[in-house]
């Protein structure tokens, strides 16, 4: 007689999606700030907020645009982000742990 084998369902793999572009578009920023976001591990991202630097102390302040780098990182954050039901669930990762930031849809 044949014994019945128990069949364990295989969990469906979670879609491994890079959310960098969506995160950069959805985080809060000051006027004239630009945000870049890079994936550093699954569900973990580093976001940098870039702000224009005052060029009045440069030796040639008339140089601007793509000729010189006049933007500096004004703040940087590590985020843990997952997408649930089409909404981004973001948590700021801090040295002491993490805290929920916000949900963006």
Protein backbone atom coordinates (compact mmCIF):
# COMPACT_ATOMS: atom_id res chain seq x y z
CA UNK A 1 0.00 0.00 0.00
CA UNK A 2 1.24 3.47 -0.86
CA UNK A 3 1.66 5.97 1.97
CA UNK A 4 0.45 9.49 1.53
CA UNK A 5 3.19 12.09 1.67
CA UNK A 6 2.49 15.38 3.28
CA UNK A 7 2.92 18.18 0.83
CA UNK A 8 4.22 21.44 2.24
CA UNK A 9 3.17 24.42 0.16
CA UNK A 10 6.10 26.39 -1.19
CA UNK A 11 5.85 30.08 -0.31
CA UNK A 12 5.55 32.37 -3.29
CA UNK A 13 8.68 34.45 -3.75
CA UNK A 14 8.28 38.13 -2.92
CA UNK A 15 8.85 40.32 -5.93
CA UNK A 16 12.32 41.83 -5.53
CA UNK A 17 11.65 45.32 -6.86
CA UNK A 18 14.06 48.26 -6.77
CA UNK A 19 12.00 51.14 -5.36
CA UNK A 20 14.76 53.79 -5.57
CA UNK A 21 13.06 55.97 -8.16
CA UNK A 22 9.68 55.87 -6.42
CA UNK A 23 11.26 56.72 -3.06
CA UNK A 24 13.22 59.67 -4.49
CA UNK A 25 10.01 61.09 -5.97
CA UNK A 26 7.95 60.65 -2.81
CA UNK A 27 10.16 61.82 0.10
CA UNK A 28 9.74 65.33 1.49
CA UNK A 29 12.22 67.92 0.31
CA UNK A 30 12.88 71.63 0.59
CA UNK A 31 12.50 73.92 -2.42
CA UNK A 32 15.46 73.54 -4.82
CA UNK A 33 16.61 70.31 -3.17
CA UNK A 34 17.22 67.23 -5.26
CA UNK A 35 17.02 63.71 -3.87
CA UNK A 36 18.98 60.69 -4.99
CA UNK A 37 18.23 57.25 -3.67
CA UNK A 38 20.24 54.05 -4.10
CA UNK A 39 19.38 50.52 -3.12
CA UNK A 40 22.03 49.09 -0.82
CA UNK A 41 20.34 45.78 0.11
CA UNK A 42 16.92 44.21 -0.34
CA UNK A 43 14.37 46.68 1.13
CA UNK A 44 17.18 49.03 2.27
CA UNK A 45 18.04 52.33 0.61
CA UNK A 46 20.33 55.31 1.12
CA UNK A 47 18.82 58.65 0.21
CA UNK A 48 20.78 61.88 -0.10
CA UNK A 49 19.25 65.34 -0.23
CA UNK A 50 21.35 67.71 -2.36
CA UNK A 51 21.24 71.50 -1.99
CA UNK A 52 22.99 74.21 -3.96
CA UNK A 53 26.05 75.58 -2.24
CA UNK A 54 26.73 79.30 -1.91
CA UNK A 55 29.32 80.09 -4.61
CA UNK A 56 30.15 83.64 -3.47
CA UNK A 57 33.40 82.44 -1.82
CA UNK A 58 34.60 80.55 -4.92
CA UNK A 59 37.60 81.97 -6.76
CA UNK A 60 35.39 82.25 -9.86
CA UNK A 61 31.75 82.46 -8.70
CA UNK A 62 30.57 83.04 -12.27
CA UNK A 63 31.25 79.37 -13.07
CA UNK A 64 28.04 77.46 -12.61
CA UNK A 65 25.96 74.64 -13.95
CA UNK A 66 27.69 71.56 -15.24
CA UNK A 67 31.14 73.17 -15.18
CA UNK A 68 31.58 72.76 -11.44
CA UNK A 69 29.87 70.88 -8.66
CA UNK A 70 28.05 73.44 -6.57
CA UNK A 71 25.68 71.07 -4.75
CA UNK A 72 26.42 69.36 -1.47
CA UNK A 73 24.62 66.71 0.50
CA UNK A 74 22.49 68.58 3.01
CA UNK A 75 21.22 65.39 4.72
CA UNK A 76 21.41 61.65 4.27
CA UNK A 77 19.17 58.84 5.52
CA UNK A 78 19.10 55.07 5.43
CA UNK A 79 15.58 53.81 4.88
CA UNK A 80 13.89 50.43 5.05
CA UNK A 81 11.12 50.46 2.46
CA UNK A 82 8.54 47.90 1.46
CA UNK A 83 5.64 48.25 -0.92
CA UNK A 84 2.30 46.99 0.37
CA UNK A 85 -0.93 47.34 -1.59
CA UNK A 86 0.75 49.85 -3.90
CA UNK A 87 1.89 52.09 -1.04
CA UNK A 88 5.43 52.66 0.18
CA UNK A 89 5.98 51.90 3.86
CA UNK A 90 9.15 53.78 4.88
CA UNK A 91 11.12 53.52 8.09
CA UNK A 92 14.18 55.63 8.90
CA UNK A 93 17.04 53.47 10.13
CA UNK A 94 18.84 55.14 13.03
CA UNK A 95 21.86 53.97 15.03
CA UNK A 96 19.54 53.09 17.93
CA UNK A 97 16.99 51.19 15.85
CA UNK A 98 14.35 52.30 13.41
CA UNK A 99 11.16 54.31 13.51
CA UNK A 100 8.26 54.54 11.10
CA UNK A 101 8.33 57.59 8.92
CA UNK A 102 5.33 57.56 6.65
CA UNK A 103 3.25 55.81 4.06
CA UNK A 104 3.15 57.12 0.52
CA UNK A 105 0.71 56.03 -2.13
